[in-house]
């Protein structure tokens, strides 16, 4: 997991987000890792909403975790 401060700095120095918005974004999606934050920055640089992109990435991670847990739980029965 990336550090809070380095992620806020990444967001503020590479996007139009101010410190307060960057902090809010990082606090709301602590599960995102370096790869996801780079995708958020890249999307923001293409004029996409960084909050929406972060939400989609977090949902994707959640779905992957759910699928993994389901496979672990039921995979041995097949």
PDB file of N, CA and C in Angstrom:
ATOM      1  N   UNK A   1       0.832  -1.183   0.000  1.00  0.00           N
ATOM      2  CA  UNK A   1       0.000   0.000   0.000  1.00  0.00           C
ATOM      3  C   UNK A   1       0.883   1.255   0.000  1.00  0.00           C
ATOM      4  N   UNK A   2       0.511   2.216  -0.820  1.00  0.00           N
ATOM      5  CA  UNK A   2       1.276   3.469  -0.852  1.00  0.00           C
ATOM      6  C   UNK A   2       1.001   4.274   0.418  1.00  0.00           C
ATOM      7  N   UNK A   3       1.925   5.150   0.748  1.00  0.00           N
ATOM      8  CA  UNK A   3       1.708   5.975   1.930  1.00  0.00           C
ATOM      9  C   UNK A   3       0.692   7.062   1.617  1.00  0.00           C
ATOM     10  N   UNK A   4       0.012   7.494   2.640  1.00  0.00           N
ATOM     11  CA  UNK A   4      -1.012   8.527   2.520  1.00  0.00           C
ATOM     12  C   UNK A   4      -0.422   9.792   1.905  1.00  0.00           C
ATOM     13  N   UNK A   5       0.683  10.270   2.490  1.00  0.00           N
ATOM     14  CA  UNK A   5       1.284  11.528   2.036  1.00  0.00           C
ATOM     15  C   UNK A   5       1.781  11.451   0.598  1.00  0.00           C
ATOM     16  N   UNK A   6       2.406  10.339   0.226  1.00  0.00           N
ATOM     17  CA  UNK A   6       2.924  10.231  -1.137  1.00  0.00           C
ATOM     18  C   UNK A   6       1.785  10.152  -2.154  1.00  0.00           C
ATOM     19  N   UNK A   7       0.678   9.543  -1.775  1.00  0.00           N
ATOM     20  CA  UNK A   7      -0.464   9.466  -2.680  1.00  0.00           C
ATOM     21  C   UNK A   7      -1.116  10.824  -2.857  1.00  0.00           C
ATOM     22  N   UNK A   8      -1.267  11.566  -1.763  1.00  0.00           N
ATOM     23  CA  UNK A   8      -1.820  12.923  -1.855  1.00  0.00           C
ATOM     24  C   UNK A   8      -0.914  13.786  -2.730  1.00  0.00           C
ATOM     25  N   UNK A   9       0.393  13.662  -2.536  1.00  0.00           N
ATOM     26  CA  UNK A   9       1.335  14.433  -3.342  1.00  0.00           C
ATOM     27  C   UNK A   9       1.240  14.037  -4.816  1.00  0.00           C
ATOM     28  N   UNK A  10       1.142  12.745  -5.093  1.00  0.00           N
ATOM     29  CA  UNK A  10       0.985  12.266  -6.473  1.00  0.00           C
ATOM     30  C   UNK A  10      -0.244  12.909  -7.114  1.00  0.00           C
ATOM     31  N   UNK A  11      -1.346  12.913  -6.400  1.00  0.00           N
ATOM     32  CA  UNK A  11      -2.590  13.454  -6.940  1.00  0.00           C
ATOM     33  C   UNK A  11      -2.528  14.962  -7.143  1.00  0.00           C
ATOM     34  N   UNK A  12      -1.993  15.680  -6.180  1.00  0.00           N
ATOM     35  CA  UNK A  12      -1.984  17.142  -6.289  1.00  0.00           C
ATOM     36  C   UNK A  12      -0.962  17.640  -7.306  1.00  0.00           C
ATOM     37  N   UNK A  13       0.132  16.926  -7.471  1.00  0.00           N
ATOM     38  CA  UNK A  13       1.158  17.399  -8.404  1.00  0.00           C
ATOM     39  C   UNK A  13       0.893  16.969  -9.846  1.00  0.00           C
ATOM     40  N   UNK A  14       0.003  16.014 -10.050  1.00  0.00           N
ATOM     41  CA  UNK A  14      -0.244  15.508 -11.404  1.00  0.00           C
ATOM     42  C   UNK A  14      -1.676  15.697 -11.891  1.00  0.00           C
ATOM     43  N   UNK A  15      -2.510  16.318 -11.067  1.00  0.00           N
ATOM     44  CA  UNK A  15      -3.905  16.565 -11.456  1.00  0.00           C
ATOM     45  C   UNK A  15      -4.286  17.975 -11.021  1.00  0.00           C
ATOM     46  N   UNK A  16      -5.518  18.338 -11.302  1.00  0.00           N
ATOM     47  CA  UNK A  16      -6.039  19.646 -10.878  1.00  0.00           C
ATOM     48  C   UNK A  16      -6.619  19.609  -9.469  1.00  0.00           C
ATOM     49  N   UNK A  17      -6.515  18.475  -8.791  1.00  0.00           N
ATOM     50  CA  UNK A  17      -7.067  18.367  -7.441  1.00  0.00           C
ATOM     51  C   UNK A  17      -6.268  19.225  -6.469  1.00  0.00           C
ATOM     52  N   UNK A  18      -6.987  19.885  -5.558  1.00  0.00           N
ATOM     53  CA  UNK A  18      -6.286  20.580  -4.490  1.00  0.00           C
ATOM     54  C   UNK A  18      -6.020  19.580  -3.359  1.00  0.00           C
ATOM     55  N   UNK A  19      -5.297  20.006  -2.368  1.00  0.00           N
ATOM     56  CA  UNK A  19      -4.891  19.107  -1.277  1.00  0.00           C
ATOM     57  C   UNK A  19      -6.112  18.522  -0.565  1.00  0.00           C
ATOM     58  N   UNK A  20      -7.104  19.347  -0.305  1.00  0.00           N
ATOM     59  CA  UNK A  20      -8.291  18.874   0.414  1.00  0.00           C
ATOM     60  C   UNK A  20      -9.016  17.786  -0.380  1.00  0.00           C
ATOM     61  N   UNK A  21      -9.202  17.989  -1.674  1.00  0.00           N
ATOM     62  CA  UNK A  21      -9.872  16.976  -2.490  1.00  0.00           C
ATOM     63  C   UNK A  21      -9.042  15.700  -2.590  1.00  0.00           C
ATOM     64  N   UNK A  22      -7.735  15.856  -2.732  1.00  0.00           N
ATOM     65  CA  UNK A  22      -6.855  14.688  -2.814  1.00  0.00           C
ATOM     66  C   UNK A  22      -6.899  13.895  -1.511  1.00  0.00           C
ATOM     67  N   UNK A  23      -6.869  14.595  -0.384  1.00  0.00           N
ATOM     68  CA  UNK A  23      -6.944  13.915   0.910  1.00  0.00           C
ATOM     69  C   UNK A  23      -8.268  13.174   1.063  1.00  0.00           C
ATOM     70  N   UNK A  24      -9.354  13.820   0.653  1.00  0.00           N
ATOM     71  CA  UNK A  24     -10.673  13.189   0.742  1.00  0.00           C
ATOM     72  C   UNK A  24     -10.716  11.923  -0.112  1.00  0.00           C
ATOM     73  N   UNK A  25     -10.160  11.998  -1.296  1.00  0.00           N
ATOM     74  CA  UNK A  25     -10.147  10.850  -2.204  1.00  0.00           C
ATOM     75  C   UNK A  25      -9.342   9.694  -1.610  1.00  0.00           C
ATOM     76  N   UNK A  26      -8.165   9.990  -1.096  1.00  0.00           N
ATOM     77  CA  UNK A  26      -7.296   8.956  -0.524  1.00  0.00           C
ATOM     78  C   UNK A  26      -7.932   8.346   0.721  1.00  0.00           C
ATOM     79  N   UNK A  27      -8.560   9.171   1.541  1.00  0.00           N
ATOM     80  CA  UNK A  27      -9.202   8.667   2.752  1.00  0.00           C
ATOM     81  C   UNK A  27     -10.404   7.782   2.427  1.00  0.00           C
ATOM     82  N   UNK A  28     -11.090   8.097   1.347  1.00  0.00           N
ATOM     83  CA  UNK A  28     -12.288   7.336   0.990  1.00  0.00           C
ATOM     84  C   UNK A  28     -11.956   5.986   0.347  1.00  0.00           C
ATOM     85  N   UNK A  29     -10.790   5.902  -0.281  1.00  0.00           N
ATOM     86  CA  UNK A  29     -10.402   4.659  -0.974  1.00  0.00           C
ATOM     87  C   UNK A  29      -9.028   4.164  -0.501  1.00  0.00           C
ATOM     88  N   UNK A  30      -8.914   3.810   0.785  1.00  0.00           N
ATOM     89  CA  UNK A  30      -7.615   3.362   1.305  1.00  0.00           C
ATOM     90  C   UNK A  30      -7.161   2.029   0.723  1.00  0.00           C
ATOM     91  N   UNK A  31      -8.086   1.267   0.129  1.00  0.00           N
ATOM     92  CA  UNK A  31      -7.743  -0.049  -0.409  1.00  0.00           C
ATOM     93  C   UNK A  31      -7.012   0.021  -1.745  1.00  0.00           C
ATOM     94  N   UNK A  32      -7.010   1.181  -2.379  1.00  0.00           N
ATOM     95  CA  UNK A  32      -6.328   1.299  -3.667  1.00  0.00           C
ATOM     96  C   UNK A  32      -4.811   1.296  -3.481  1.00  0.00           C
ATOM     97  N   UNK A  33      -4.142   0.626  -4.377  1.00  0.00           N
ATOM     98  CA  UNK A  33      -2.684   0.551  -4.337  1.00  0.00           C
ATOM     99  C   UNK A  33      -2.062   1.474  -5.367  1.00  0.00           C
ATOM    100  N   UNK A  34      -0.750   1.400  -5.486  1.00  0.00           N
ATOM    101  CA  UNK A  34      -0.013   2.263  -6.404  1.00  0.00           C
ATOM    102  C   UNK A  34      -0.547   2.196  -7.834  1.00  0.00           C
ATOM    103  N   UNK A  35      -0.781   0.996  -8.324  1.00  0.00           N
ATOM    104  CA  UNK A  35      -1.250   0.830  -9.710  1.00  0.00           C
ATOM    105  C   UNK A  35      -2.583   1.539  -9.930  1.00  0.00           C
ATOM    106  N   UNK A  36      -3.476   1.419  -8.969  1.00  0.00           N
ATOM    107  CA  UNK A  36      -4.786   2.058  -9.105  1.00  0.00           C
ATOM    108  C   UNK A  36      -4.674   3.579  -9.058  1.00  0.00           C
ATOM    109  N   UNK A  37      -3.809   4.097  -8.167  1.00  0.00           N
ATOM    110  CA  UNK A  37      -3.658   5.553  -8.084  1.00  0.00           C
ATOM    111  C   UNK A  37      -3.046   6.120  -9.359  1.00  0.00           C
ATOM    112  N   UNK A  38      -2.151   5.388  -9.980  1.00  0.00           N
ATOM    113  CA  UNK A  38      -1.590   5.829 -11.261  1.00  0.00           C
ATOM    114  C   UNK A  38      -2.698   5.898 -12.312  1.00  0.00           C
ATOM    115  N   UNK A  39      -3.608   4.933 -12.284  1.00  0.00           N
ATOM    116  CA  UNK A  39      -4.738   4.950 -13.216  1.00  0.00           C
ATOM    117  C   UNK A  39      -5.665   6.138 -12.945  1.00  0.00           C
ATOM    118  N   UNK A  40      -5.862   6.464 -11.673  1.00  0.00           N
ATOM    119  CA  UNK A  40      -6.687   7.627 -11.318  1.00  0.00           C
ATOM    120  C   UNK A  40      -6.042   8.902 -11.857  1.00  0.00           C
ATOM    121  N   UNK A  41      -4.739   9.052 -11.673  1.00  0.00           N
ATOM    122  CA  UNK A  41      -4.020  10.227 -12.174  1.00  0.00           C
ATOM    123  C   UNK A  41      -4.114  10.293 -13.689  1.00  0.00           C
ATOM    124  N   UNK A  42      -3.873   9.187 -14.328  1.00  0.00           N
ATOM    125  CA  UNK A  42      -3.928   9.144 -15.790  1.00  0.00           C
ATOM    126  C   UNK A  42      -5.315   9.546 -16.296  1.00  0.00           C
ATOM    127  N   UNK A  43      -6.345   9.041 -15.659  1.00  0.00           N
ATOM    128  CA  UNK A  43      -7.710   9.379 -16.057  1.00  0.00           C
ATOM    129  C   UNK A  43      -7.992  10.861 -15.822  1.00  0.00           C
ATOM    130  N   UNK A  44      -7.537  11.378 -14.701  1.00  0.00           N
ATOM    131  CA  UNK A  44      -7.751  12.801 -14.394  1.00  0.00           C
ATOM    132  C   UNK A  44      -7.044  13.691 -15.415  1.00  0.00           C
ATOM    133  N   UNK A  45      -5.894  13.253 -15.889  1.00  0.00           N
ATOM    134  CA  UNK A  45      -5.169  14.020 -16.895  1.00  0.00           C
ATOM    135  C   UNK A  45      -5.891  14.002 -18.238  1.00  0.00           C
ATOM    136  N   UNK A  46      -6.787  13.037 -18.422  1.00  0.00           N
ATOM    137  CA  UNK A  46      -7.603  12.964 -19.638  1.00  0.00           C
ATOM    138  C   UNK A  46      -8.997  13.545 -19.385  1.00  0.00           C
ATOM    139  N   UNK A  47      -9.103  14.383 -18.370  1.00  0.00           N
ATOM    140  CA  UNK A  47     -10.345  15.086 -18.021  1.00  0.00           C
ATOM    141  C   UNK A  47     -11.472  14.172 -17.566  1.00  0.00           C
ATOM    142  N   UNK A  48     -11.132  13.018 -17.015  1.00  0.00           N
ATOM    143  CA  UNK A  48     -12.138  12.150 -16.402  1.00  0.00           C
ATOM    144  C   UNK A  48     -12.204  12.469 -14.915  1.00  0.00           C
ATOM    145  N   UNK A  49     -13.333  12.211 -14.313  1.00  0.00           N
ATOM    146  CA  UNK A  49     -13.543  12.487 -12.890  1.00  0.00           C
ATOM    147  C   UNK A  49     -12.734  11.504 -12.040  1.00  0.00           C
ATOM    148  N   UNK A  50     -11.733  11.990 -11.293  1.00  0.00           N
ATOM    149  CA  UNK A  50     -10.909  11.070 -10.495  1.00  0.00           C
ATOM    150  C   UNK A  50     -11.697  10.342  -9.411  1.00  0.00           C
ATOM    151  N   UNK A  51     -12.740  10.968  -8.886  1.00  0.00           N
ATOM    152  CA  UNK A  51     -13.561  10.310  -7.870  1.00  0.00           C
ATOM    153  C   UNK A  51     -14.314   9.129  -8.477  1.00  0.00           C
ATOM    154  N   UNK A  52     -14.835   9.318  -9.661  1.00  0.00           N
ATOM    155  CA  UNK A  52     -15.568   8.248 -10.331  1.00  0.00           C
ATOM    156  C   UNK A  52     -14.623   7.097 -10.703  1.00  0.00           C
ATOM    157  N   UNK A  53     -13.446   7.427 -11.202  1.00  0.00           N
ATOM    158  CA  UNK A  53     -12.470   6.403 -11.584  1.00  0.00           C
ATOM    159  C   UNK A  53     -12.035   5.610 -10.352  1.00  0.00           C
ATOM    160  N   UNK A  54     -11.763   6.305  -9.254  1.00  0.00           N
ATOM    161  CA  UNK A  54     -11.362   5.627  -8.018  1.00  0.00           C
ATOM    162  C   UNK A  54     -12.477   4.699  -7.532  1.00  0.00           C
ATOM    163  N   UNK A  55     -13.721   5.159  -7.642  1.00  0.00           N
ATOM    164  CA  UNK A  55     -14.857   4.328  -7.219  1.00  0.00           C
ATOM    165  C   UNK A  55     -14.944   3.059  -8.063  1.00  0.00           C
ATOM    166  N   UNK A  56     -14.761   3.195  -9.366  1.00  0.00           N
ATOM    167  CA  UNK A  56     -14.809   2.023 -10.248  1.00  0.00           C
ATOM    168  C   UNK A  56     -13.680   1.048  -9.933  1.00  0.00           C
ATOM    169  N   UNK A  57     -12.487   1.571  -9.678  1.00  0.00           N
ATOM    170  CA  UNK A  57     -11.357   0.698  -9.362  1.00  0.00           C
ATOM    171  C   UNK A  57     -11.566  -0.006  -8.029  1.00  0.00           C
ATOM    172  N   UNK A  58     -12.108   0.717  -7.055  1.00  0.00           N
ATOM    173  CA  UNK A  58     -12.384   0.107  -5.750  1.00  0.00           C
ATOM    174  C   UNK A  58     -13.435  -0.989  -5.893  1.00  0.00           C
ATOM    175  N   UNK A  59     -14.453  -0.745  -6.701  1.00  0.00           N
ATOM    176  CA  UNK A  59     -15.498  -1.754  -6.937  1.00  0.00           C
ATOM    177  C   UNK A  59     -14.896  -2.981  -7.616  1.00  0.00           C
ATOM    178  N   UNK A  60     -14.015  -2.755  -8.570  1.00  0.00           N
ATOM    179  CA  UNK A  60     -13.366  -3.866  -9.264  1.00  0.00           C
ATOM    180  C   UNK A  60     -12.548  -4.708  -8.280  1.00  0.00           C
ATOM    181  N   UNK A  61     -11.804  -4.049  -7.387  1.00  0.00           N
ATOM    182  CA  UNK A  61     -11.036  -4.772  -6.375  1.00  0.00           C
ATOM    183  C   UNK A  61     -11.958  -5.571  -5.456  1.00  0.00           C
ATOM    184  N   UNK A  62     -13.062  -4.951  -5.055  1.00  0.00           N
ATOM    185  CA  UNK A  62     -14.019  -5.620  -4.184  1.00  0.00           C
ATOM    186  C   UNK A  62     -14.594  -6.859  -4.867  1.00  0.00           C
ATOM    187  N   UNK A  63     -14.930  -6.722  -6.143  1.00  0.00           N
ATOM    188  CA  UNK A  63     -15.461  -7.868  -6.893  1.00  0.00           C
ATOM    189  C   UNK A  63     -14.425  -8.988  -7.004  1.00  0.00           C
ATOM    190  N   UNK A  64     -13.167  -8.619  -7.214  1.00  0.00           N
ATOM    191  CA  UNK A  64     -12.106  -9.625  -7.302  1.00  0.00           C
ATOM    192  C   UNK A  64     -11.930 -10.348  -5.975  1.00  0.00           C
ATOM    193  N   UNK A  65     -12.009  -9.618  -4.888  1.00  0.00           N
ATOM    194  CA  UNK A  65     -11.888 -10.235  -3.564  1.00  0.00           C
ATOM    195  C   UNK A  65     -13.061 -11.172  -3.315  1.00  0.00           C
ATOM    196  N   UNK A  66     -14.266 -10.715  -3.653  1.00  0.00           N
ATOM    197  CA  UNK A  66     -15.458 -11.557  -3.480  1.00  0.00           C
ATOM    198  C   UNK A  66     -15.343 -12.841  -4.300  1.00  0.00           C
ATOM    199  N   UNK A  67     -14.883 -12.709  -5.539  1.00  0.00           N
ATOM    200  CA  UNK A  67     -14.737 -13.882  -6.402  1.00  0.00           C
ATOM    201  C   UNK A  67     -13.694 -14.849  -5.835  1.00  0.00           C
ATOM    202  N   UNK A  68     -12.592 -14.303  -5.341  1.00  0.00           N
ATOM    203  CA  UNK A  68     -11.552 -15.130  -4.746  1.00  0.00           C
ATOM    204  C   UNK A  68     -12.092 -15.883  -3.531  1.00  0.00           C
ATOM    205  N   UNK A  69     -12.808 -15.159  -2.664  1.00  0.00           N
ATOM    206  CA  UNK A  69     -13.347 -15.792  -1.461  1.00  0.00           C
ATOM    207  C   UNK A  69     -14.389 -16.854  -1.811  1.00  0.00           C
ATOM    208  N   UNK A  70     -15.207 -16.581  -2.821  1.00  0.00           N
ATOM    209  CA  UNK A  70     -16.202 -17.559  -3.245  1.00  0.00           C
ATOM    210  C   UNK A  70     -15.527 -18.803  -3.814  1.00  0.00           C
ATOM    211  N   UNK A  71     -14.493 -18.598  -4.613  1.00  0.00           N
ATOM    212  CA  UNK A  71     -13.758 -19.741  -5.170  1.00  0.00           C
ATOM    213  C   UNK A  71     -13.079 -20.546  -4.069  1.00  0.00           C
ATOM    214  N   UNK A  72     -12.560 -19.854  -3.081  1.00  0.00           N
ATOM    215  CA  UNK A  72     -11.934 -20.556  -1.956  1.00  0.00           C
ATOM    216  C   UNK A  72     -12.964 -21.365  -1.183  1.00  0.00           C
ATOM    217  N   UNK A  73     -14.116 -20.771  -0.995  1.00  0.00           N
ATOM    218  CA  UNK A  73     -15.159 -21.412  -0.199  1.00  0.00           C
ATOM    219  C   UNK A  73     -15.782 -22.597  -0.930  1.00  0.00           C
ATOM    220  N   UNK A  74     -16.092 -22.408  -2.197  1.00  0.00           N
ATOM    221  CA  UNK A  74     -16.815 -23.441  -2.940  1.00  0.00           C
ATOM    222  C   UNK A  74     -15.940 -24.212  -3.921  1.00  0.00           C
ATOM    223  N   UNK A  75     -14.762 -23.724  -4.178  1.00  0.00           N
ATOM    224  CA  UNK A  75     -13.895 -24.352  -5.166  1.00  0.00           C
ATOM    225  C   UNK A  75     -13.513 -25.777  -4.810  1.00  0.00           C
ATOM    226  N   UNK A  76     -13.345 -26.056  -3.542  1.00  0.00           N
ATOM    227  CA  UNK A  76     -12.927 -27.399  -3.139  1.00  0.00           C
ATOM    228  C   UNK A  76     -14.055 -28.423  -3.268  1.00  0.00           C
ATOM    229  N   UNK A  77     -15.284 -27.983  -3.413  1.00  0.00           N
ATOM    230  CA  UNK A  77     -16.424 -28.888  -3.530  1.00  0.00           C
ATOM    231  C   UNK A  77     -16.560 -29.449  -4.936  1.00  0.00           C
ATOM    232  N   UNK A  78     -15.982 -28.785  -5.909  1.00  0.00           N
ATOM    233  CA  UNK A  78     -16.161 -29.228  -7.298  1.00  0.00           C
ATOM    234  C   UNK A  78     -15.175 -30.250  -7.687  1.00  0.00           C
TER     235      UNK A  78
END
